[in-house]
Amino acid sequence: MEVRSLRKADEASYRALRIESIEQAPDLATPRILQELDNTRNANAVLDAYGPQQCVFGTFYGGSLVGVVAMDASPDRPDPHDVELWGLYVVPRLRGTPISQLLLEAAIAWARHQPGKLTVSVEFARSNRYAFRFFDRNYFSVRPTQEHEERFSQERMRMDYFLGE
């Protein structure tokens, strides 16, 4: 098993895995994943859309891409001290194995090397109990909701991991 950042040669596998994830669980497809696929209809341009402060990690098992997670530390994010983690997905036949854990560890290690970043945040459907248990077990805390985010908080949940100083 190998966990690494994706390269140009992984484009088609990455796009196919994202499409598979949406087909299997359309209710869990985030707007970011849908936008990514819509903006990159050409299988050879998916990863080209990412800049130097963004990264996609993949887990390869038996030569196949079986899990992914994306990170965004761009300075134009709403909170400049935050790194966004999104799109964590593992193929169903390998869920319950260490793949999610290995992807999360690679993502957090990458986030620690981003200057000025204090937290890693993730958001997901409030109904996704698996995601809540996974991130809670890995020291993510529920982000307090502000009043203007009330509608958001009824449908979505945000959790943060403190990177330290």
N, C-alpha and C. Protein backbone atom coordinates (compact mmCIF):
# COMPACT_ATOMS: atom_id res chain seq x y z
N MET A 1 0.85 -1.17 0.00
CA MET A 1 0.00 0.00 0.00
C MET A 1 0.90 1.23 0.00
N GLU A 2 0.53 2.21 -0.82
CA GLU A 2 1.30 3.45 -0.94
C GLU A 2 0.36 4.64 -0.81
N VAL A 3 0.76 5.63 0.01
CA VAL A 3 0.02 6.89 0.13
C VAL A 3 0.95 7.99 -0.36
N ARG A 4 0.48 8.77 -1.32
CA ARG A 4 1.31 9.86 -1.87
C ARG A 4 0.43 10.90 -2.52
N SER A 5 1.04 12.07 -2.81
CA SER A 5 0.30 13.08 -3.55
C SER A 5 0.15 12.60 -4.99
N LEU A 6 -0.99 12.94 -5.57
CA LEU A 6 -1.27 12.48 -6.93
C LEU A 6 -0.46 13.27 -7.94
N ARG A 7 -0.14 12.61 -9.03
CA ARG A 7 0.65 13.19 -10.11
C ARG A 7 -0.17 13.19 -11.40
N LYS A 8 0.38 13.79 -12.41
CA LYS A 8 -0.27 13.87 -13.71
C LYS A 8 -0.69 12.49 -14.22
N ALA A 9 0.13 11.50 -14.00
CA ALA A 9 -0.17 10.15 -14.48
C ALA A 9 -1.38 9.53 -13.78
N ASP A 10 -1.82 10.14 -12.66
CA ASP A 10 -2.95 9.60 -11.88
C ASP A 10 -4.28 10.25 -12.26
N GLU A 11 -4.28 11.16 -13.21
CA GLU A 11 -5.48 11.95 -13.56
C GLU A 11 -6.71 11.08 -13.83
N ALA A 12 -6.59 10.15 -14.72
CA ALA A 12 -7.76 9.35 -15.12
C ALA A 12 -8.27 8.51 -13.96
N SER A 13 -7.37 7.94 -13.18
CA SER A 13 -7.79 7.14 -12.02
C SER A 13 -8.49 8.00 -10.99
N TYR A 14 -7.98 9.22 -10.79
CA TYR A 14 -8.58 10.12 -9.81
C TYR A 14 -10.00 10.50 -10.23
N ARG A 15 -10.15 10.90 -11.48
CA ARG A 15 -11.48 11.28 -11.96
C ARG A 15 -12.45 10.10 -11.88
N ALA A 16 -12.01 8.91 -12.26
CA ALA A 16 -12.87 7.73 -12.20
C ALA A 16 -13.29 7.42 -10.76
N LEU A 17 -12.38 7.60 -9.81
CA LEU A 17 -12.71 7.34 -8.41
C LEU A 17 -13.72 8.36 -7.89
N ARG A 18 -13.56 9.63 -8.28
CA ARG A 18 -14.53 10.66 -7.87
C ARG A 18 -15.91 10.36 -8.46
N ILE A 19 -15.96 9.97 -9.70
CA ILE A 19 -17.25 9.63 -10.33
C ILE A 19 -17.87 8.43 -9.62
N GLU A 20 -17.06 7.44 -9.32
CA GLU A 20 -17.55 6.26 -8.59
C GLU A 20 -18.13 6.67 -7.23
N SER A 21 -17.47 7.59 -6.55
CA SER A 21 -17.94 8.01 -5.22
C SER A 21 -19.32 8.67 -5.31
N ILE A 22 -19.54 9.45 -6.35
CA ILE A 22 -20.83 10.13 -6.53
C ILE A 22 -21.91 9.13 -6.92
N GLU A 23 -21.56 8.17 -7.75
CA GLU A 23 -22.54 7.15 -8.14
C GLU A 23 -22.98 6.30 -6.95
N GLN A 24 -22.06 6.02 -6.04
CA GLN A 24 -22.38 5.17 -4.90
C GLN A 24 -23.12 5.91 -3.79
N ALA A 25 -22.82 7.19 -3.63
CA ALA A 25 -23.46 7.95 -2.55
C ALA A 25 -23.74 9.38 -3.02
N PRO A 26 -24.72 9.56 -3.89
CA PRO A 26 -24.98 10.89 -4.44
C PRO A 26 -25.35 11.92 -3.38
N ASP A 27 -25.95 11.49 -2.28
CA ASP A 27 -26.33 12.42 -1.23
C ASP A 27 -25.13 12.95 -0.46
N LEU A 28 -23.98 12.30 -0.56
CA LEU A 28 -22.79 12.76 0.14
C LEU A 28 -21.84 13.55 -0.77
N ALA A 29 -22.19 13.70 -2.03
CA ALA A 29 -21.36 14.47 -2.95
C ALA A 29 -21.41 15.94 -2.55
N THR A 30 -20.27 16.50 -2.24
CA THR A 30 -20.22 17.90 -1.84
C THR A 30 -20.24 18.81 -3.05
N PRO A 31 -20.64 20.05 -2.88
CA PRO A 31 -20.58 20.98 -4.00
C PRO A 31 -19.18 21.10 -4.59
N ARG A 32 -18.16 20.97 -3.75
CA ARG A 32 -16.79 21.08 -4.23
C ARG A 32 -16.44 19.93 -5.18
N ILE A 33 -16.86 18.73 -4.85
CA ILE A 33 -16.59 17.57 -5.72
C ILE A 33 -17.35 17.72 -7.04
N LEU A 34 -18.61 18.11 -6.96
CA LEU A 34 -19.41 18.29 -8.18
C LEU A 34 -18.82 19.38 -9.06
N GLN A 35 -18.38 20.46 -8.45
CA GLN A 35 -17.77 21.56 -9.21
C GLN A 35 -16.47 21.08 -9.85
N GLU A 36 -15.67 20.34 -9.11
CA GLU A 36 -14.42 19.83 -9.64
C GLU A 36 -14.66 18.99 -10.89
N LEU A 37 -15.62 18.09 -10.84
CA LEU A 37 -15.91 17.24 -11.98
C LEU A 37 -16.52 18.01 -13.13
N ASP A 38 -17.36 18.98 -12.83
CA ASP A 38 -17.99 19.77 -13.87
C ASP A 38 -16.97 20.65 -14.58
N ASN A 39 -16.04 21.22 -13.83
CA ASN A 39 -15.03 22.11 -14.41
C ASN A 39 -13.95 21.37 -15.16
N THR A 40 -13.87 20.07 -14.98
CA THR A 40 -12.77 19.32 -15.59
C THR A 40 -13.30 18.10 -16.34
N ARG A 41 -14.11 18.34 -17.32
CA ARG A 41 -14.68 17.24 -18.08
C ARG A 41 -13.61 16.43 -18.80
N ASN A 42 -12.48 17.04 -19.08
CA ASN A 42 -11.37 16.33 -19.71
C ASN A 42 -10.59 15.60 -18.61
N ALA A 43 -10.50 14.29 -18.69
CA ALA A 43 -9.84 13.49 -17.66
C ALA A 43 -8.37 13.86 -17.47
N ASN A 44 -7.78 14.55 -18.43
CA ASN A 44 -6.38 14.93 -18.30
C ASN A 44 -6.19 16.32 -17.70
N ALA A 45 -7.26 16.94 -17.19
CA ALA A 45 -7.13 18.29 -16.65
C ALA A 45 -7.61 18.41 -15.21
N VAL A 46 -7.94 17.31 -14.56
CA VAL A 46 -8.48 17.38 -13.21
C VAL A 46 -7.48 18.00 -12.24
N LEU A 47 -6.29 17.47 -12.17
CA LEU A 47 -5.31 17.94 -11.20
C LEU A 47 -4.64 19.25 -11.63
N ASP A 48 -4.76 19.62 -12.91
CA ASP A 48 -4.19 20.88 -13.37
C ASP A 48 -4.84 22.09 -12.71
N ALA A 49 -6.06 21.92 -12.21
CA ALA A 49 -6.79 23.03 -11.61
C ALA A 49 -6.24 23.41 -10.24
N TYR A 50 -5.37 22.60 -9.67
CA TYR A 50 -4.85 22.86 -8.33
C TYR A 50 -3.57 23.67 -8.37
N GLY A 51 -3.45 24.60 -7.41
CA GLY A 51 -2.27 25.43 -7.30
C GLY A 51 -1.28 24.85 -6.29
N PRO A 52 -0.21 25.58 -6.02
CA PRO A 52 0.84 25.07 -5.13
C PRO A 52 0.40 24.92 -3.67
N GLN A 53 -0.67 25.59 -3.28
CA GLN A 53 -1.14 25.48 -1.90
C GLN A 53 -2.35 24.55 -1.80
N GLN A 54 -2.43 23.65 -2.74
CA GLN A 54 -3.49 22.64 -2.76
C GLN A 54 -2.84 21.30 -3.08
N CYS A 55 -3.42 20.24 -2.55
CA CYS A 55 -2.82 18.93 -2.76
C CYS A 55 -3.91 17.87 -2.70
N VAL A 56 -3.75 16.82 -3.48
CA VAL A 56 -4.64 15.66 -3.43
C VAL A 56 -3.76 14.45 -3.15
N PHE A 57 -4.09 13.74 -2.08
CA PHE A 57 -3.38 12.52 -1.73
C PHE A 57 -4.21 11.32 -2.15
N GLY A 58 -3.52 10.27 -2.53
CA GLY A 58 -4.19 9.04 -2.90
C GLY A 58 -3.53 7.85 -2.25
N THR A 59 -4.32 6.81 -2.04
CA THR A 59 -3.79 5.54 -1.56
C THR A 59 -3.91 4.54 -2.70
N PHE A 60 -2.82 3.87 -2.96
CA PHE A 60 -2.76 2.86 -4.02
C PHE A 60 -2.58 1.50 -3.37
N TYR A 61 -3.41 0.57 -3.81
CA TYR A 61 -3.36 -0.80 -3.29
C TYR A 61 -3.48 -1.74 -4.48
N GLY A 62 -2.50 -2.61 -4.62
CA GLY A 62 -2.49 -3.52 -5.77
C GLY A 62 -2.42 -2.77 -7.08
N GLY A 63 -1.78 -1.61 -7.09
CA GLY A 63 -1.64 -0.82 -8.30
C GLY A 63 -2.82 0.06 -8.65
N SER A 64 -3.89 -0.01 -7.85
CA SER A 64 -5.10 0.79 -8.12
C SER A 64 -5.29 1.89 -7.08
N LEU A 65 -5.84 3.00 -7.52
CA LEU A 65 -6.18 4.08 -6.61
C LEU A 65 -7.45 3.67 -5.87
N VAL A 66 -7.37 3.59 -4.54
CA VAL A 66 -8.50 3.10 -3.75
C VAL A 66 -9.00 4.10 -2.71
N GLY A 67 -8.32 5.24 -2.57
CA GLY A 67 -8.76 6.26 -1.62
C GLY A 67 -8.12 7.59 -1.94
N VAL A 68 -8.84 8.68 -1.63
CA VAL A 68 -8.32 10.02 -1.89
C VAL A 68 -8.76 10.99 -0.79
N VAL A 69 -8.02 12.08 -0.68
CA VAL A 69 -8.41 13.21 0.15
C VAL A 69 -7.74 14.45 -0.46
N ALA A 70 -8.45 15.57 -0.42
CA ALA A 70 -7.92 16.81 -0.99
C ALA A 70 -7.71 17.84 0.12
N MET A 71 -6.72 18.71 -0.09
CA MET A 71 -6.38 19.76 0.87
C MET A 71 -6.28 21.09 0.14
N ASP A 72 -6.72 22.15 0.82
CA ASP A 72 -6.65 23.49 0.24
C ASP A 72 -6.19 24.47 1.30
N ALA A 73 -5.00 25.05 1.10
CA ALA A 73 -4.45 26.04 2.01
C ALA A 73 -4.30 27.39 1.31
N SER A 74 -5.07 27.63 0.27
CA SER A 74 -4.99 28.87 -0.51
C SER A 74 -5.24 30.08 0.37
N PRO A 75 -4.52 31.17 0.12
CA PRO A 75 -4.69 32.37 0.94
C PRO A 75 -6.04 33.06 0.73
N ASP A 76 -6.76 32.73 -0.35
CA ASP A 76 -8.05 33.37 -0.61
C ASP A 76 -9.21 32.66 0.08
N ARG A 77 -8.92 31.67 0.90
CA ARG A 77 -9.97 31.00 1.66
C ARG A 77 -10.55 31.96 2.69
N PRO A 78 -11.80 31.75 3.13
CA PRO A 78 -12.43 32.67 4.09
C PRO A 78 -11.63 32.87 5.38
N ASP A 79 -11.01 31.81 5.89
CA ASP A 79 -10.16 31.92 7.07
C ASP A 79 -8.73 31.66 6.62
N PRO A 80 -7.89 32.69 6.58
CA PRO A 80 -6.53 32.50 6.07
C PRO A 80 -5.64 31.61 6.95
N HIS A 81 -6.09 31.30 8.16
CA HIS A 81 -5.31 30.44 9.06
C HIS A 81 -5.77 28.99 9.02
N ASP A 82 -6.65 28.68 8.10
CA ASP A 82 -7.31 27.38 8.05
C ASP A 82 -6.93 26.64 6.77
N VAL A 83 -6.75 25.33 6.89
CA VAL A 83 -6.56 24.46 5.74
C VAL A 83 -7.82 23.63 5.61
N GLU A 84 -8.41 23.60 4.44
CA GLU A 84 -9.63 22.83 4.23
C GLU A 84 -9.28 21.41 3.78
N LEU A 85 -9.86 20.43 4.44
CA LEU A 85 -9.76 19.04 4.05
C LEU A 85 -11.12 18.68 3.45
N TRP A 86 -11.13 18.07 2.28
CA TRP A 86 -12.41 17.73 1.65
C TRP A 86 -12.26 16.49 0.78
N GLY A 87 -13.40 15.87 0.52
CA GLY A 87 -13.46 14.78 -0.43
C GLY A 87 -12.78 13.49 0.00
N LEU A 88 -12.71 13.21 1.29
CA LEU A 88 -12.14 11.95 1.74
C LEU A 88 -13.05 10.81 1.28
N TYR A 89 -12.47 9.88 0.55
CA TYR A 89 -13.24 8.76 0.01
C TYR A 89 -12.36 7.52 -0.08
N VAL A 90 -12.93 6.39 0.33
CA VAL A 90 -12.27 5.09 0.21
C VAL A 90 -13.27 4.14 -0.45
N VAL A 91 -12.81 3.33 -1.39
CA VAL A 91 -13.70 2.40 -2.06
C VAL A 91 -14.37 1.49 -1.02
N PRO A 92 -15.63 1.15 -1.23
CA PRO A 92 -16.38 0.38 -0.22
C PRO A 92 -15.71 -0.91 0.24
N ARG A 93 -15.10 -1.65 -0.66
CA ARG A 93 -14.53 -2.95 -0.28
C ARG A 93 -13.35 -2.82 0.68
N LEU A 94 -12.78 -1.61 0.81
CA LEU A 94 -11.63 -1.41 1.69
C LEU A 94 -11.94 -0.49 2.88
N ARG A 95 -13.20 -0.17 3.08
CA ARG A 95 -13.55 0.61 4.25
C ARG A 95 -13.35 -0.25 5.49
N GLY A 96 -12.99 0.38 6.57
CA GLY A 96 -12.71 -0.37 7.79
C GLY A 96 -11.25 -0.81 7.87
N THR A 97 -10.49 -0.52 6.84
CA THR A 97 -9.04 -0.78 6.85
C THR A 97 -8.35 0.54 7.23
N PRO A 98 -7.04 0.53 7.39
CA PRO A 98 -6.35 1.77 7.79
C PRO A 98 -6.25 2.85 6.70
N ILE A 99 -6.87 2.67 5.55
CA ILE A 99 -6.69 3.61 4.44
C ILE A 99 -7.13 5.03 4.81
N SER A 100 -8.30 5.20 5.39
CA SER A 100 -8.76 6.54 5.78
C SER A 100 -7.79 7.18 6.76
N GLN A 101 -7.32 6.39 7.71
CA GLN A 101 -6.37 6.90 8.71
C GLN A 101 -5.07 7.35 8.05
N LEU A 102 -4.56 6.56 7.13
CA LEU A 102 -3.31 6.91 6.44
C LEU A 102 -3.48 8.18 5.61
N LEU A 103 -4.62 8.31 4.94
CA LEU A 103 -4.87 9.53 4.16
C LEU A 103 -4.94 10.75 5.07
N LEU A 104 -5.65 10.61 6.19
CA LEU A 104 -5.76 11.73 7.13
C LEU A 104 -4.39 12.12 7.69
N GLU A 105 -3.58 11.14 8.04
CA GLU A 105 -2.25 11.43 8.56
C GLU A 105 -1.38 12.15 7.53
N ALA A 106 -1.46 11.73 6.27
CA ALA A 106 -0.70 12.41 5.21
C ALA A 106 -1.20 13.84 5.03
N ALA A 107 -2.51 14.02 5.09
CA ALA A 107 -3.09 15.36 4.93
C ALA A 107 -2.68 16.29 6.07
N ILE A 108 -2.72 15.81 7.29
CA ILE A 108 -2.34 16.65 8.43
C ILE A 108 -0.85 16.97 8.39
N ALA A 109 -0.03 16.00 8.01
CA ALA A 109 1.41 16.26 7.88
C ALA A 109 1.66 17.35 6.84
N TRP A 110 0.95 17.29 5.73
CA TRP A 110 1.08 18.32 4.69
C TRP A 110 0.64 19.68 5.23
N ALA A 111 -0.48 19.71 5.95
CA ALA A 111 -1.00 20.96 6.50
C ALA A 111 -0.02 21.60 7.48
N ARG A 112 0.69 20.79 8.24
CA ARG A 112 1.67 21.33 9.21
C ARG A 112 2.80 22.09 8.52
N HIS A 113 3.03 21.81 7.25
CA HIS A 113 4.09 22.51 6.51
C HIS A 113 3.59 23.75 5.77
N GLN A 114 2.35 24.11 5.94
CA GLN A 114 1.80 25.30 5.29
C GLN A 114 1.97 26.48 6.24
N PRO A 115 2.75 27.48 5.86
CA PRO A 115 3.04 28.60 6.77
C PRO A 115 1.79 29.35 7.21
N GLY A 116 1.73 29.66 8.50
CA GLY A 116 0.66 30.47 9.05
C GLY A 116 -0.66 29.75 9.27
N LYS A 117 -0.69 28.46 9.07
CA LYS A 117 -1.94 27.72 9.23
C LYS A 117 -2.04 27.17 10.65
N LEU A 118 -3.23 27.32 11.26
CA LEU A 118 -3.44 26.89 12.63
C LEU A 118 -4.38 25.70 12.76
N THR A 119 -5.29 25.55 11.80
CA THR A 119 -6.28 24.47 11.89
C THR A 119 -6.48 23.80 10.54
N VAL A 120 -6.97 22.57 10.61
CA VAL A 120 -7.49 21.85 9.45
C VAL A 120 -8.98 21.74 9.69
N SER A 121 -9.78 22.13 8.73
CA SER A 121 -11.23 22.04 8.91
C SER A 121 -11.82 21.09 7.87
N VAL A 122 -12.93 20.50 8.25
CA VAL A 122 -13.64 19.60 7.36
C VAL A 122 -15.12 19.87 7.57
N GLU A 123 -15.90 19.77 6.53
CA GLU A 123 -17.35 19.87 6.69
C GLU A 123 -17.99 18.72 5.93
N PHE A 124 -19.13 18.28 6.44
CA PHE A 124 -19.82 17.14 5.87
C PHE A 124 -21.28 17.20 6.27
N ALA A 125 -22.09 16.38 5.62
CA ALA A 125 -23.51 16.32 5.93
C ALA A 125 -23.69 15.88 7.38
N ARG A 126 -24.53 16.57 8.09
CA ARG A 126 -24.79 16.24 9.49
C ARG A 126 -25.26 14.79 9.64
N SER A 127 -25.89 14.27 8.61
CA SER A 127 -26.39 12.88 8.65
C SER A 127 -25.28 11.84 8.49
N ASN A 128 -24.08 12.26 8.15
CA ASN A 128 -22.97 11.34 7.93
C ASN A 128 -22.32 10.99 9.27
N ARG A 129 -22.90 10.02 9.95
CA ARG A 129 -22.41 9.63 11.28
C ARG A 129 -21.03 9.00 11.22
N TYR A 130 -20.73 8.31 10.12
CA TYR A 130 -19.41 7.72 9.97
C TYR A 130 -18.33 8.81 9.99
N ALA A 131 -18.57 9.89 9.23
CA ALA A 131 -17.59 10.98 9.18
C ALA A 131 -17.42 11.60 10.56
N PHE A 132 -18.54 11.81 11.26
CA PHE A 132 -18.43 12.41 12.60
C PHE A 132 -17.58 11.52 13.51
N ARG A 133 -17.85 10.24 13.55
CA ARG A 133 -17.09 9.34 14.43
C ARG A 133 -15.62 9.30 14.05
N PHE A 134 -15.35 9.27 12.75
CA PHE A 134 -13.96 9.21 12.29
C PHE A 134 -13.19 10.46 12.71
N PHE A 135 -13.74 11.63 12.43
CA PHE A 135 -13.01 12.86 12.76
C PHE A 135 -12.97 13.11 14.27
N ASP A 136 -14.02 12.78 14.98
CA ASP A 136 -14.02 12.91 16.43
C ASP A 136 -12.93 12.02 17.04
N ARG A 137 -12.81 10.81 16.58
CA ARG A 137 -11.79 9.87 17.06
C ARG A 137 -10.38 10.38 16.76
N ASN A 138 -10.26 11.25 15.75
CA ASN A 138 -8.95 11.78 15.35
C ASN A 138 -8.74 13.21 15.83
N TYR A 139 -9.37 13.57 16.93
CA TYR A 139 -9.14 14.84 17.64
C TYR A 139 -9.63 16.08 16.91
N PHE A 140 -10.61 15.93 16.05
CA PHE A 140 -11.29 17.08 15.46
C PHE A 140 -12.39 17.48 16.43
N SER A 141 -12.64 18.78 16.56
CA SER A 141 -13.69 19.29 17.43
C SER A 141 -14.76 19.98 16.60
N VAL A 142 -16.00 19.88 17.05
CA VAL A 142 -17.09 20.56 16.35
C VAL A 142 -16.86 22.07 16.45
N ARG A 143 -16.94 22.72 15.32
CA ARG A 143 -16.77 24.18 15.28
C ARG A 143 -18.05 24.84 15.77
N PRO A 144 -17.94 25.76 16.72
CA PRO A 144 -19.15 26.47 17.17
C PRO A 144 -19.82 27.19 16.00
N THR A 145 -21.13 27.18 15.99
CA THR A 145 -21.90 27.79 14.92
C THR A 145 -22.29 29.20 15.30
N GLN A 146 -22.11 30.12 14.38
CA GLN A 146 -22.54 31.49 14.61
C GLN A 146 -23.98 31.63 14.13
N GLU A 147 -24.67 32.64 14.64
CA GLU A 147 -26.10 32.80 14.34
C GLU A 147 -26.38 32.86 12.84
N HIS A 148 -25.56 33.58 12.08
CA HIS A 148 -25.83 33.71 10.64
C HIS A 148 -25.62 32.40 9.89
N GLU A 149 -25.06 31.39 10.55
CA GLU A 149 -24.84 30.10 9.93
C GLU A 149 -25.89 29.08 10.36
N GLU A 150 -26.98 29.53 10.96
CA GLU A 150 -27.96 28.61 11.53
C GLU A 150 -28.49 27.61 10.51
N ARG A 151 -28.89 28.08 9.33
CA ARG A 151 -29.41 27.17 8.31
C ARG A 151 -28.35 26.16 7.91
N PHE A 152 -27.12 26.65 7.76
CA PHE A 152 -26.01 25.78 7.41
C PHE A 152 -25.84 24.69 8.46
N SER A 153 -25.92 25.04 9.71
CA SER A 153 -25.64 24.09 10.78
C SER A 153 -26.71 23.01 10.88
N GLN A 154 -27.90 23.26 10.36
CA GLN A 154 -28.94 22.23 10.40
C GLN A 154 -28.66 21.11 9.40
N GLU A 155 -27.95 21.43 8.32
CA GLU A 155 -27.69 20.45 7.27
C GLU A 155 -26.25 19.94 7.27
N ARG A 156 -25.32 20.80 7.64
CA ARG A 156 -23.89 20.49 7.54
C ARG A 156 -23.22 20.64 8.91
N MET A 157 -22.11 19.98 9.07
CA MET A 157 -21.33 20.07 10.29
C MET A 157 -19.90 20.43 9.92
N ARG A 158 -19.28 21.25 10.74
CA ARG A 158 -17.87 21.60 10.56
C ARG A 158 -17.09 21.13 11.78
N MET A 159 -15.92 20.60 11.50
CA MET A 159 -15.04 20.18 12.59
C MET A 159 -13.63 20.68 12.29
N ASP A 160 -12.88 20.99 13.35
CA ASP A 160 -11.52 21.52 13.22
C ASP A 160 -10.51 20.65 13.98
N TYR A 161 -9.32 20.61 13.42
CA TYR A 161 -8.18 19.96 14.07
C TYR A 161 -7.15 21.06 14.28
N PHE A 162 -6.70 21.23 15.52
CA PHE A 162 -5.71 22.26 15.84
C PHE A 162 -4.33 21.75 15.51
N LEU A 163 -3.61 22.48 14.67
CA LEU A 163 -2.27 22.08 14.24
C LEU A 163 -1.19 22.42 15.27
N GLY A 164 -1.48 23.31 16.18
CA GLY A 164 -0.46 23.77 17.11
C GLY A 164 0.26 24.97 16.56
N GLU A 165 1.17 25.46 17.31
CA GLU A 165 1.90 26.67 16.86
C GLU A 165 3.34 26.36 16.56
